[in-house]
Amino acid sequence: MRSRLVAAVAVIALAATACSDGEKADGDADEVLAAAADTLESSSGVMLSLSTDDLPDGVNGIVEAEGAVTDAPAFEGTLTVRVAGTDFDVPVVSVDDTVWATVPLTTTWQDIDPGDYGAPDPSRLIGADNGVVALLRGTEEAEAGESERGGQDNREILTTYTGTIPGEVVKRVIPSSSAAHDFDVTYLVTEDEELRRAEVTGVFYEGSEEMTYVLGVTDYGLEKTIRKP
């Protein structure tokens, strides 16, 4: 009896190790991405991050961003923008359909049109029309990849999903992007159907080379009251 119990435990341990060390994921990729979209859309808020290491030379654009997005909808965080080769940290608050920022070389809050900078209204970034939810639901030719452990303290099982997103869908989220080109995407999704990371590659700035933005999503269920500055 004891030997059979030890053998059973060993089999379970080996199965868990395989799943966390490169085993092909089971399940329908389209269904998983649809569930991840539903999870994000129904969340009261999340922490979002956005970054790139390859903003094309000569392009004025977003290098990095981090902040809280809620279903109010509202946003509070900081964007790092590159203007004429120099990076500036720009505090941003978006609430009640108005975006406020302390634009480069100023110290006071101003209401701005983010479209003037080729950027979206950050308060809409978890929305179904102009946010990450739209990217998930607009992904085509989705395929499941491998599963592995990751996240905080390596406690999550993350599965890779790849696909393409039509340019017109990406342009709804990032107005500066090209609607004429498809974008390649790689997602990491948890067992709890939470999108944790997305790498999107394509022409984000008209007339420039392809580049990659990396999006991070954490703290599902975040509750935060955001007020205008």
Foldseek 3Di string as FASTA:
>chain_A
DVVVVVVVVVVVVVVVVQQAPWDFDDDDQLVLLLLQLVLLAPFQKWKKKKAFDPDDPPDWAWHIWIWIAGPLGKIWTWTWIADPNDTDIKTWIDDPNWIWIQDPPGDDIDTDDCVVRQADRVSCQSPCFQHPSLQSNQFPPKDKTGWHFDDVVSPWIKTKIKGKGQLVSNCSHRVQFDNVDIKIKIWIATPVSHTAKMWIWDGSHPPGGITIMIMGIGDTNDDDDGDDD
